[in-house]
Amino acid sequence: MRRLLGYFARGLVLLAPLAVTVWVCWIVFRSVDGWLGLPIPGAGFVATLVLITLFGFLGSSLLTRSAVAALEGIMARLPFVRLLYGSTKDLLNAFVGEKRRFDKPVIMSLTPDHTVRLMGFVTQESLAHLGLDQQVAVYCPHSYNFSGQLYVVHASQVQPLDVASADAMAFVVSGGVAGLPTASQSTGEYAAPLPPV
């Protein structure tokens, strides 16, 4: 009986993530197809990907940059729209834009003896303009959630991690269940290297 339960648990671990992924993708495909009114399953999703890529190409052109800047200027003047547009743009830029913010994984000490630590990402290396000399901003995502906490700590409490950012994010969001992050191949360093704890 114990062996059968073990087989069931292993099958559940193998099939549940696959089923959830297929189900979510199917819902996304059907929703996008419904919005665009296309009868071919998945055609709306492909059309959306092509349209987004086309806008990205046009947005990179010198001819359309002024139009994009003018549109952003209009958005910045509208009270509620400015908040919504600016927040969404900053969030997307933080993950996939040219100004990525979650690319500096660190370990942050919460206690003076360094026995309690938190994994996060340095998002601002200097807060001197706020009068907080030698302070850094560290974003710590919550496990199994789409939220997080921002900490302002002394730079000496932060130790850079030589791991891939995506692996570090997966490790934190999964509550440490995902595979351990592997050393990154990048040779880039922070603009102002932080001292190890």
N, C-alpha and C. Protein backbone atom coordinates (compact mmCIF):
# COMPACT_ATOMS: atom_id res chain seq x y z
N MET A 1 0.83 -1.20 0.00
CA MET A 1 0.00 0.00 0.00
C MET A 1 0.88 1.27 0.00
N ARG A 2 1.97 1.22 0.79
CA ARG A 2 2.86 2.37 0.85
C ARG A 2 3.51 2.63 -0.51
N ARG A 3 3.85 1.53 -1.22
CA ARG A 3 4.46 1.68 -2.53
C ARG A 3 3.47 2.28 -3.52
N LEU A 4 2.21 1.85 -3.45
CA LEU A 4 1.18 2.42 -4.34
C LEU A 4 0.99 3.91 -4.06
N LEU A 5 0.97 4.30 -2.78
CA LEU A 5 0.85 5.72 -2.43
C LEU A 5 2.05 6.51 -2.95
N GLY A 6 3.23 5.90 -2.90
CA GLY A 6 4.42 6.56 -3.44
C GLY A 6 4.31 6.78 -4.94
N TYR A 7 3.81 5.75 -5.67
CA TYR A 7 3.62 5.90 -7.11
C TYR A 7 2.60 6.99 -7.41
N PHE A 8 1.51 7.01 -6.60
CA PHE A 8 0.47 8.03 -6.81
C PHE A 8 1.05 9.43 -6.60
N ALA A 9 1.82 9.60 -5.51
CA ALA A 9 2.41 10.92 -5.22
C ALA A 9 3.37 11.33 -6.32
N ARG A 10 4.19 10.39 -6.83
CA ARG A 10 5.12 10.72 -7.90
C ARG A 10 4.38 11.10 -9.17
N GLY A 11 3.31 10.35 -9.49
CA GLY A 11 2.50 10.68 -10.65
C GLY A 11 1.84 12.04 -10.53
N LEU A 12 1.39 12.36 -9.31
CA LEU A 12 0.78 13.67 -9.07
C LEU A 12 1.79 14.79 -9.29
N VAL A 13 3.01 14.60 -8.79
CA VAL A 13 4.06 15.61 -8.95
C VAL A 13 4.42 15.78 -10.42
N LEU A 14 4.39 14.69 -11.20
CA LEU A 14 4.73 14.78 -12.62
C LEU A 14 3.59 15.39 -13.45
N LEU A 15 2.35 15.01 -13.15
CA LEU A 15 1.23 15.43 -13.99
C LEU A 15 0.60 16.77 -13.60
N ALA A 16 0.56 17.10 -12.31
CA ALA A 16 -0.14 18.32 -11.88
C ALA A 16 0.47 19.58 -12.49
N PRO A 17 1.80 19.78 -12.45
CA PRO A 17 2.34 21.00 -13.08
C PRO A 17 2.05 21.06 -14.58
N LEU A 18 2.13 19.90 -15.25
CA LEU A 18 1.86 19.86 -16.68
C LEU A 18 0.39 20.22 -16.95
N ALA A 19 -0.51 19.64 -16.16
CA ALA A 19 -1.94 19.91 -16.34
C ALA A 19 -2.27 21.37 -16.08
N VAL A 20 -1.70 21.94 -15.02
CA VAL A 20 -1.96 23.36 -14.70
C VAL A 20 -1.42 24.25 -15.82
N THR A 21 -0.22 23.95 -16.32
CA THR A 21 0.37 24.75 -17.40
C THR A 21 -0.48 24.69 -18.66
N VAL A 22 -0.89 23.48 -19.06
CA VAL A 22 -1.73 23.32 -20.26
C VAL A 22 -3.06 24.04 -20.07
N TRP A 23 -3.66 23.92 -18.88
CA TRP A 23 -4.95 24.55 -18.60
C TRP A 23 -4.86 26.07 -18.68
N VAL A 24 -3.81 26.65 -18.07
CA VAL A 24 -3.64 28.12 -18.09
C VAL A 24 -3.39 28.59 -19.52
N CYS A 25 -2.54 27.87 -20.27
CA CYS A 25 -2.28 28.25 -21.67
C CYS A 25 -3.56 28.16 -22.50
N TRP A 26 -4.36 27.13 -22.27
CA TRP A 26 -5.61 26.97 -23.00
C TRP A 26 -6.56 28.13 -22.71
N ILE A 27 -6.65 28.53 -21.45
CA ILE A 27 -7.52 29.66 -21.08
C ILE A 27 -7.04 30.94 -21.73
N VAL A 28 -5.71 31.16 -21.71
CA VAL A 28 -5.15 32.37 -22.35
C VAL A 28 -5.44 32.35 -23.84
N PHE A 29 -5.21 31.23 -24.51
CA PHE A 29 -5.46 31.13 -25.94
C PHE A 29 -6.93 31.41 -26.25
N ARG A 30 -7.84 30.76 -25.51
CA ARG A 30 -9.27 30.94 -25.75
C ARG A 30 -9.71 32.37 -25.51
N SER A 31 -9.16 32.99 -24.44
CA SER A 31 -9.54 34.38 -24.12
C SER A 31 -9.10 35.33 -25.22
N VAL A 32 -7.84 35.19 -25.65
CA VAL A 32 -7.33 36.09 -26.70
C VAL A 32 -8.07 35.84 -28.01
N ASP A 33 -8.35 34.58 -28.34
CA ASP A 33 -9.13 34.28 -29.55
C ASP A 33 -10.52 34.90 -29.47
N GLY A 34 -11.13 34.85 -28.28
CA GLY A 34 -12.46 35.44 -28.10
C GLY A 34 -12.44 36.95 -28.25
N TRP A 35 -11.41 37.59 -27.72
CA TRP A 35 -11.31 39.06 -27.83
C TRP A 35 -11.18 39.50 -29.28
N LEU A 36 -10.39 38.73 -30.06
CA LEU A 36 -10.15 39.10 -31.45
C LEU A 36 -11.17 38.50 -32.40
N GLY A 37 -12.01 37.58 -31.91
CA GLY A 37 -13.05 36.98 -32.74
C GLY A 37 -12.52 36.07 -33.83
N LEU A 38 -11.40 35.41 -33.56
CA LEU A 38 -10.83 34.51 -34.57
C LEU A 38 -11.29 33.08 -34.30
N PRO A 39 -11.75 32.37 -35.35
CA PRO A 39 -12.29 31.01 -35.14
C PRO A 39 -11.21 29.94 -34.98
N ILE A 40 -9.99 30.19 -35.41
CA ILE A 40 -8.92 29.18 -35.34
C ILE A 40 -8.29 29.21 -33.96
N PRO A 41 -8.29 28.10 -33.21
CA PRO A 41 -7.70 28.09 -31.86
C PRO A 41 -6.21 28.45 -31.90
N GLY A 42 -5.82 29.41 -31.07
CA GLY A 42 -4.43 29.82 -30.98
C GLY A 42 -4.04 30.92 -31.94
N ALA A 43 -4.87 31.20 -32.95
CA ALA A 43 -4.54 32.23 -33.94
C ALA A 43 -4.51 33.61 -33.30
N GLY A 44 -5.41 33.86 -32.37
CA GLY A 44 -5.43 35.15 -31.69
C GLY A 44 -4.18 35.37 -30.86
N PHE A 45 -3.72 34.31 -30.21
CA PHE A 45 -2.51 34.41 -29.40
C PHE A 45 -1.30 34.71 -30.28
N VAL A 46 -1.19 33.99 -31.40
CA VAL A 46 -0.08 34.22 -32.34
C VAL A 46 -0.16 35.63 -32.90
N ALA A 47 -1.37 36.08 -33.25
CA ALA A 47 -1.55 37.44 -33.78
C ALA A 47 -1.13 38.48 -32.74
N THR A 48 -1.45 38.22 -31.46
CA THR A 48 -1.07 39.14 -30.40
C THR A 48 0.45 39.20 -30.24
N LEU A 49 1.12 38.05 -30.30
CA LEU A 49 2.59 38.03 -30.21
C LEU A 49 3.21 38.80 -31.37
N VAL A 50 2.68 38.60 -32.57
CA VAL A 50 3.20 39.31 -33.75
C VAL A 50 2.98 40.81 -33.60
N LEU A 51 1.80 41.21 -33.11
CA LEU A 51 1.48 42.63 -32.94
C LEU A 51 2.39 43.29 -31.90
N ILE A 52 2.62 42.60 -30.79
CA ILE A 52 3.50 43.14 -29.74
C ILE A 52 4.92 43.29 -30.27
N THR A 53 5.39 42.27 -31.01
CA THR A 53 6.74 42.34 -31.59
C THR A 53 6.84 43.47 -32.60
N LEU A 54 5.80 43.67 -33.40
CA LEU A 54 5.79 44.75 -34.38
C LEU A 54 5.84 46.11 -33.68
N PHE A 55 5.08 46.27 -32.60
CA PHE A 55 5.12 47.52 -31.84
C PHE A 55 6.50 47.75 -31.23
N GLY A 56 7.13 46.67 -30.76
CA GLY A 56 8.48 46.79 -30.23
C GLY A 56 9.47 47.24 -31.28
N PHE A 57 9.32 46.69 -32.50
CA PHE A 57 10.18 47.10 -33.60
C PHE A 57 9.96 48.56 -33.96
N LEU A 58 8.69 48.96 -34.07
CA LEU A 58 8.38 50.35 -34.40
C LEU A 58 8.83 51.30 -33.30
N GLY A 59 8.70 50.87 -32.05
CA GLY A 59 9.12 51.70 -30.93
C GLY A 59 10.62 51.91 -30.87
N SER A 60 11.39 51.01 -31.51
CA SER A 60 12.84 51.13 -31.53
C SER A 60 13.33 52.02 -32.66
N SER A 61 12.45 52.34 -33.59
CA SER A 61 12.82 53.16 -34.74
C SER A 61 12.96 54.62 -34.34
N LEU A 62 13.90 55.30 -34.96
CA LEU A 62 14.12 56.73 -34.69
C LEU A 62 12.89 57.55 -35.09
N LEU A 63 12.17 57.11 -36.12
CA LEU A 63 11.01 57.87 -36.59
C LEU A 63 9.86 57.86 -35.59
N THR A 64 9.69 56.74 -34.90
CA THR A 64 8.55 56.63 -33.99
C THR A 64 8.88 56.99 -32.54
N ARG A 65 10.17 57.17 -32.22
CA ARG A 65 10.52 57.49 -30.84
C ARG A 65 9.90 58.80 -30.38
N SER A 66 9.86 59.79 -31.28
CA SER A 66 9.26 61.07 -30.90
C SER A 66 7.77 60.92 -30.65
N ALA A 67 7.10 60.08 -31.44
CA ALA A 67 5.66 59.84 -31.24
C ALA A 67 5.42 59.14 -29.91
N VAL A 68 6.29 58.16 -29.58
CA VAL A 68 6.16 57.45 -28.31
C VAL A 68 6.42 58.41 -27.15
N ALA A 69 7.43 59.27 -27.29
CA ALA A 69 7.72 60.25 -26.24
C ALA A 69 6.56 61.21 -26.05
N ALA A 70 5.93 61.63 -27.15
CA ALA A 70 4.76 62.53 -27.06
C ALA A 70 3.60 61.83 -26.37
N LEU A 71 3.37 60.57 -26.70
CA LEU A 71 2.29 59.80 -26.06
C LEU A 71 2.55 59.65 -24.57
N GLU A 72 3.80 59.35 -24.20
CA GLU A 72 4.14 59.21 -22.78
C GLU A 72 3.99 60.55 -22.05
N GLY A 73 4.30 61.64 -22.74
CA GLY A 73 4.11 62.97 -22.15
C GLY A 73 2.64 63.25 -21.84
N ILE A 74 1.76 62.83 -22.76
CA ILE A 74 0.32 63.00 -22.53
C ILE A 74 -0.13 62.15 -21.35
N MET A 75 0.35 60.90 -21.31
CA MET A 75 -0.02 59.99 -20.21
C MET A 75 0.45 60.55 -18.87
N ALA A 76 1.61 61.19 -18.85
CA ALA A 76 2.18 61.72 -17.60
C ALA A 76 1.38 62.89 -17.05
N ARG A 77 0.56 63.53 -17.90
CA ARG A 77 -0.21 64.70 -17.45
C ARG A 77 -1.58 64.32 -16.88
N LEU A 78 -2.05 63.13 -17.15
CA LEU A 78 -3.38 62.71 -16.68
C LEU A 78 -3.26 62.05 -15.31
N PRO A 79 -3.95 62.56 -14.29
CA PRO A 79 -3.74 62.10 -12.90
C PRO A 79 -3.81 60.60 -12.69
N PHE A 80 -4.96 59.96 -12.93
CA PHE A 80 -5.10 58.54 -12.64
C PHE A 80 -4.35 57.70 -13.66
N VAL A 81 -4.41 58.13 -14.92
CA VAL A 81 -3.75 57.40 -16.00
C VAL A 81 -2.24 57.37 -15.77
N ARG A 82 -1.68 58.48 -15.28
CA ARG A 82 -0.23 58.55 -15.01
C ARG A 82 0.19 57.48 -14.03
N LEU A 83 -0.60 57.29 -12.95
CA LEU A 83 -0.27 56.29 -11.94
C LEU A 83 -0.33 54.88 -12.54
N LEU A 84 -1.40 54.61 -13.26
CA LEU A 84 -1.60 53.27 -13.82
C LEU A 84 -0.55 52.98 -14.90
N TYR A 85 -0.37 53.91 -15.82
CA TYR A 85 0.57 53.72 -16.92
C TYR A 85 2.01 53.63 -16.41
N GLY A 86 2.38 54.56 -15.52
CA GLY A 86 3.74 54.59 -15.00
C GLY A 86 4.08 53.34 -14.19
N SER A 87 3.14 52.90 -13.35
CA SER A 87 3.38 51.70 -12.53
C SER A 87 3.54 50.46 -13.40
N THR A 88 2.65 50.32 -14.40
CA THR A 88 2.72 49.16 -15.28
C THR A 88 4.02 49.16 -16.08
N LYS A 89 4.40 50.32 -16.59
CA LYS A 89 5.63 50.42 -17.38
C LYS A 89 6.85 50.11 -16.53
N ASP A 90 6.90 50.66 -15.31
CA ASP A 90 8.04 50.40 -14.42
C ASP A 90 8.14 48.93 -14.07
N LEU A 91 6.98 48.29 -13.82
CA LEU A 91 6.98 46.86 -13.47
C LEU A 91 7.50 46.02 -14.63
N LEU A 92 7.01 46.30 -15.83
CA LEU A 92 7.46 45.52 -16.99
C LEU A 92 8.93 45.79 -17.29
N ASN A 93 9.36 47.04 -17.17
CA ASN A 93 10.77 47.35 -17.39
C ASN A 93 11.67 46.65 -16.37
N ALA A 94 11.16 46.49 -15.15
CA ALA A 94 11.95 45.84 -14.11
C ALA A 94 12.23 44.37 -14.44
N PHE A 95 11.30 43.73 -15.15
CA PHE A 95 11.47 42.31 -15.47
C PHE A 95 12.05 42.06 -16.85
N VAL A 96 11.56 42.78 -17.87
CA VAL A 96 11.96 42.45 -19.24
C VAL A 96 12.48 43.63 -20.04
N GLY A 97 12.45 44.82 -19.51
CA GLY A 97 12.87 45.99 -20.26
C GLY A 97 14.37 46.17 -20.30
N GLU A 98 14.78 47.29 -20.91
CA GLU A 98 16.20 47.59 -21.01
C GLU A 98 16.79 47.99 -19.68
N LYS A 99 15.94 48.44 -18.74
CA LYS A 99 16.42 48.88 -17.42
C LYS A 99 16.00 47.86 -16.36
N ARG A 100 16.38 46.62 -16.56
CA ARG A 100 15.98 45.57 -15.62
C ARG A 100 16.49 45.86 -14.22
N ARG A 101 15.62 45.61 -13.23
CA ARG A 101 15.99 45.89 -11.84
C ARG A 101 16.28 44.62 -11.05
N PHE A 102 15.70 43.51 -11.45
CA PHE A 102 15.89 42.29 -10.67
C PHE A 102 17.03 41.47 -11.25
N ASP A 103 18.19 42.10 -11.42
CA ASP A 103 19.33 41.41 -12.00
C ASP A 103 20.53 41.41 -11.06
N LYS A 104 20.30 41.78 -9.78
CA LYS A 104 21.39 41.81 -8.80
C LYS A 104 20.97 41.05 -7.55
N PRO A 105 20.97 39.71 -7.61
CA PRO A 105 20.57 38.94 -6.43
C PRO A 105 21.58 39.07 -5.30
N VAL A 106 21.06 39.18 -4.08
CA VAL A 106 21.92 39.33 -2.90
C VAL A 106 21.36 38.54 -1.73
N ILE A 107 22.20 38.37 -0.73
CA ILE A 107 21.79 37.84 0.57
C ILE A 107 21.89 39.00 1.54
N MET A 108 20.81 39.26 2.28
CA MET A 108 20.78 40.38 3.22
C MET A 108 20.71 39.86 4.65
N SER A 109 21.57 40.36 5.50
CA SER A 109 21.57 39.97 6.91
C SER A 109 20.51 40.76 7.67
N LEU A 110 19.73 40.05 8.47
CA LEU A 110 18.69 40.70 9.27
C LEU A 110 19.12 40.89 10.72
N THR A 111 20.18 40.20 11.11
CA THR A 111 20.66 40.29 12.49
C THR A 111 22.13 40.66 12.49
N PRO A 112 22.62 41.31 13.56
CA PRO A 112 24.03 41.72 13.61
C PRO A 112 25.02 40.56 13.48
N ASP A 113 24.63 39.37 13.97
CA ASP A 113 25.56 38.23 13.90
C ASP A 113 25.42 37.44 12.59
N HIS A 114 24.60 37.91 11.66
CA HIS A 114 24.41 37.32 10.34
C HIS A 114 23.84 35.90 10.39
N THR A 115 23.12 35.57 11.45
CA THR A 115 22.55 34.22 11.53
C THR A 115 21.22 34.13 10.79
N VAL A 116 20.52 35.24 10.63
CA VAL A 116 19.25 35.26 9.88
C VAL A 116 19.46 36.09 8.63
N ARG A 117 19.22 35.48 7.48
CA ARG A 117 19.44 36.17 6.21
C ARG A 117 18.23 36.04 5.32
N LEU A 118 18.13 36.95 4.36
CA LEU A 118 17.01 37.00 3.43
C LEU A 118 17.57 37.16 2.03
N MET A 119 17.01 36.42 1.07
CA MET A 119 17.46 36.55 -0.31
C MET A 119 16.59 37.57 -1.02
N GLY A 120 17.22 38.46 -1.78
CA GLY A 120 16.48 39.48 -2.50
C GLY A 120 17.28 40.02 -3.67
N PHE A 121 16.88 41.22 -4.14
CA PHE A 121 17.50 41.84 -5.30
C PHE A 121 17.73 43.32 -5.00
N VAL A 122 18.96 43.81 -5.22
CA VAL A 122 19.23 45.22 -5.07
C VAL A 122 18.58 45.95 -6.24
N THR A 123 17.69 46.91 -5.93
CA THR A 123 17.02 47.68 -6.97
C THR A 123 17.54 49.11 -7.05
N GLN A 124 18.12 49.62 -5.98
CA GLN A 124 18.76 50.94 -5.97
C GLN A 124 20.05 50.82 -5.18
N GLU A 125 21.18 51.15 -5.80
CA GLU A 125 22.47 50.99 -5.13
C GLU A 125 22.85 52.20 -4.29
N SER A 126 22.14 53.30 -4.45
CA SER A 126 22.42 54.49 -3.65
C SER A 126 21.12 55.24 -3.38
N LEU A 127 20.90 55.57 -2.11
CA LEU A 127 19.74 56.37 -1.72
C LEU A 127 20.18 57.69 -1.13
N ALA A 128 21.35 58.16 -1.58
CA ALA A 128 21.91 59.41 -1.06
C ALA A 128 21.00 60.59 -1.33
N HIS A 129 20.26 60.55 -2.45
CA HIS A 129 19.36 61.66 -2.77
C HIS A 129 18.20 61.76 -1.78
N LEU A 130 17.98 60.71 -0.99
CA LEU A 130 16.97 60.75 0.06
C LEU A 130 17.59 61.05 1.42
N GLY A 131 18.90 61.33 1.43
CA GLY A 131 19.60 61.58 2.69
C GLY A 131 19.97 60.31 3.42
N LEU A 132 19.95 59.18 2.72
CA LEU A 132 20.28 57.89 3.32
C LEU A 132 21.61 57.40 2.76
N ASP A 133 22.69 57.96 3.28
CA ASP A 133 24.03 57.60 2.80
C ASP A 133 24.35 56.15 3.13
N GLN A 134 25.01 55.49 2.22
CA GLN A 134 25.44 54.09 2.35
C GLN A 134 24.27 53.14 2.58
N GLN A 135 23.09 53.52 2.11
CA GLN A 135 21.92 52.65 2.19
C GLN A 135 21.58 52.16 0.78
N VAL A 136 21.08 50.95 0.69
CA VAL A 136 20.65 50.38 -0.58
C VAL A 136 19.21 49.91 -0.44
N ALA A 137 18.52 49.78 -1.57
CA ALA A 137 17.16 49.25 -1.56
C ALA A 137 17.21 47.79 -2.02
N VAL A 138 16.65 46.90 -1.22
CA VAL A 138 16.64 45.47 -1.52
C VAL A 138 15.19 45.01 -1.58
N TYR A 139 14.78 44.46 -2.73
CA TYR A 139 13.43 43.93 -2.90
C TYR A 139 13.46 42.44 -2.63
N CYS A 140 12.59 41.97 -1.74
CA CYS A 140 12.51 40.56 -1.38
C CYS A 140 11.13 40.03 -1.74
N PRO A 141 11.03 39.24 -2.83
CA PRO A 141 9.72 38.68 -3.19
C PRO A 141 9.25 37.67 -2.16
N HIS A 142 7.94 37.57 -2.00
CA HIS A 142 7.36 36.59 -1.08
C HIS A 142 7.30 35.23 -1.77
N SER A 143 7.42 34.19 -0.99
CA SER A 143 7.32 32.84 -1.53
C SER A 143 5.86 32.51 -1.83
N TYR A 144 5.64 31.82 -2.94
CA TYR A 144 4.31 31.38 -3.39
C TYR A 144 3.33 32.55 -3.44
N ASN A 145 3.78 33.68 -3.96
CA ASN A 145 2.92 34.85 -4.03
C ASN A 145 3.48 35.78 -5.09
N PHE A 146 2.68 36.75 -5.50
CA PHE A 146 3.14 37.75 -6.47
C PHE A 146 3.28 39.10 -5.79
N SER A 147 3.87 39.09 -4.62
CA SER A 147 4.11 40.33 -3.89
C SER A 147 5.49 40.24 -3.26
N GLY A 148 5.88 41.30 -2.59
CA GLY A 148 7.19 41.30 -1.97
C GLY A 148 7.31 42.46 -1.01
N GLN A 149 8.49 42.61 -0.42
CA GLN A 149 8.76 43.66 0.56
C GLN A 149 10.05 44.37 0.16
N LEU A 150 10.07 45.70 0.29
CA LEU A 150 11.27 46.47 -0.01
C LEU A 150 11.93 46.87 1.30
N TYR A 151 13.23 46.56 1.45
CA TYR A 151 13.99 46.90 2.64
C TYR A 151 15.06 47.92 2.28
N VAL A 152 15.27 48.88 3.17
CA VAL A 152 16.37 49.83 3.03
C VAL A 152 17.37 49.49 4.13
N VAL A 153 18.55 49.03 3.72
CA VAL A 153 19.54 48.54 4.68
C VAL A 153 20.90 49.14 4.37
N HIS A 154 21.79 49.05 5.34
CA HIS A 154 23.17 49.50 5.13
C HIS A 154 23.83 48.57 4.13
N ALA A 155 24.66 49.15 3.28
CA ALA A 155 25.31 48.35 2.23
C ALA A 155 26.14 47.21 2.80
N SER A 156 26.63 47.35 4.03
CA SER A 156 27.46 46.30 4.61
C SER A 156 26.63 45.06 4.98
N GLN A 157 25.30 45.18 4.96
CA GLN A 157 24.43 44.04 5.29
C GLN A 157 24.07 43.22 4.05
N VAL A 158 24.61 43.61 2.91
CA VAL A 158 24.22 42.97 1.66
C VAL A 158 25.43 42.31 1.02
N GLN A 159 25.25 41.07 0.60
CA GLN A 159 26.32 40.33 -0.06
C GLN A 159 25.84 39.90 -1.44
N PRO A 160 26.54 40.32 -2.51
CA PRO A 160 26.13 39.91 -3.86
C PRO A 160 26.22 38.40 -4.03
N LEU A 161 25.31 37.86 -4.82
CA LEU A 161 25.31 36.44 -5.15
C LEU A 161 25.70 36.27 -6.61
N ASP A 162 26.61 35.37 -6.90
CA ASP A 162 27.02 35.09 -8.27
C ASP A 162 26.14 33.98 -8.85
N VAL A 163 24.85 34.30 -8.99
CA VAL A 163 23.90 33.34 -9.54
C VAL A 163 23.05 34.03 -10.59
N ALA A 164 22.42 33.24 -11.45
CA ALA A 164 21.52 33.79 -12.46
C ALA A 164 20.29 34.38 -11.76
N SER A 165 19.86 35.56 -12.19
CA SER A 165 18.73 36.25 -11.56
C SER A 165 17.46 35.41 -11.62
N ALA A 166 17.20 34.79 -12.77
CA ALA A 166 15.99 33.99 -12.92
C ALA A 166 15.98 32.82 -11.95
N ASP A 167 17.14 32.19 -11.76
CA ASP A 167 17.24 31.08 -10.81
C ASP A 167 17.01 31.54 -9.38
N ALA A 168 17.57 32.72 -9.05
CA ALA A 168 17.38 33.27 -7.70
C ALA A 168 15.92 33.59 -7.46
N MET A 169 15.25 34.20 -8.45
CA MET A 169 13.84 34.54 -8.31
C MET A 169 13.00 33.28 -8.14
N ALA A 170 13.26 32.25 -8.95
CA ALA A 170 12.52 30.99 -8.84
C ALA A 170 12.74 30.35 -7.48
N PHE A 171 13.96 30.41 -6.97
CA PHE A 171 14.29 29.83 -5.67
C PHE A 171 13.51 30.53 -4.55
N VAL A 172 13.46 31.87 -4.60
CA VAL A 172 12.76 32.63 -3.56
C VAL A 172 11.26 32.43 -3.66
N VAL A 173 10.70 32.59 -4.87
CA VAL A 173 9.25 32.51 -5.04
C VAL A 173 8.73 31.12 -4.70
N SER A 174 9.55 30.10 -4.95
CA SER A 174 9.11 28.74 -4.63
C SER A 174 9.32 28.38 -3.17
N GLY A 175 9.78 29.33 -2.37
CA GLY A 175 10.01 29.05 -0.96
C GLY A 175 11.23 28.17 -0.72
N GLY A 176 12.16 28.17 -1.68
CA GLY A 176 13.36 27.35 -1.54
C GLY A 176 13.20 25.94 -2.05
N VAL A 177 12.03 25.64 -2.62
CA VAL A 177 11.78 24.29 -3.11
C VAL A 177 12.43 24.07 -4.47
N ALA A 178 12.46 25.13 -5.31
CA ALA A 178 13.07 25.01 -6.64
C ALA A 178 14.54 24.68 -6.49
N GLY A 179 15.14 24.15 -7.55
CA GLY A 179 16.55 23.80 -7.52
C GLY A 179 17.42 24.96 -7.10
N LEU A 180 18.53 24.66 -6.46
CA LEU A 180 19.44 25.71 -6.00
C LEU A 180 19.96 26.50 -7.18
N PRO A 181 20.05 27.84 -7.06
CA PRO A 181 20.56 28.65 -8.16
C PRO A 181 22.00 28.28 -8.50
N THR A 182 22.31 28.28 -9.80
CA THR A 182 23.67 27.98 -10.24
C THR A 182 24.44 29.26 -10.51
N ALA A 183 25.75 29.18 -10.44
CA ALA A 183 26.59 30.36 -10.65
C ALA A 183 26.35 30.91 -12.04
N SER A 184 26.22 32.24 -12.12
CA SER A 184 25.98 32.88 -13.41
C SER A 184 27.27 32.98 -14.19
N GLN A 185 27.14 33.11 -15.51
CA GLN A 185 28.31 33.21 -16.38
C GLN A 185 28.68 34.66 -16.65
N SER A 186 27.88 35.61 -16.11
CA SER A 186 28.15 37.02 -16.40
C SER A 186 29.37 37.47 -15.62
N THR A 187 30.11 38.39 -16.23
CA THR A 187 31.30 38.92 -15.58
C THR A 187 31.06 40.33 -15.08
N GLY A 188 29.85 40.88 -15.36
CA GLY A 188 29.56 42.24 -14.94
C GLY A 188 29.46 42.37 -13.44
N GLU A 189 29.88 43.52 -12.92
CA GLU A 189 29.79 43.78 -11.49
C GLU A 189 28.89 44.98 -11.27
N TYR A 190 28.52 45.20 -10.03
CA TYR A 190 27.73 46.38 -9.71
C TYR A 190 28.54 47.63 -9.99
N ALA A 191 27.82 48.72 -10.21
CA ALA A 191 28.50 50.00 -10.44
C ALA A 191 29.37 50.35 -9.24
N ALA A 192 28.84 50.07 -8.05
CA ALA A 192 29.62 50.28 -6.82
C ALA A 192 29.57 48.98 -6.07
N PRO A 193 30.59 48.10 -6.20
CA PRO A 193 30.55 46.77 -5.57
C PRO A 193 30.28 46.88 -4.08
N LEU A 194 29.36 46.02 -3.62
CA LEU A 194 28.97 46.04 -2.22
C LEU A 194 29.92 45.15 -1.43
N PRO A 195 30.29 45.55 -0.21
CA PRO A 195 31.20 44.74 0.60
C PRO A 195 30.51 43.48 1.07
N PRO A 196 31.21 42.36 1.16
CA PRO A 196 30.58 41.14 1.68
C PRO A 196 30.31 41.26 3.17
N VAL A 197 29.29 40.53 3.64
CA VAL A 197 28.95 40.54 5.07
C VAL A 197 29.87 39.59 5.80
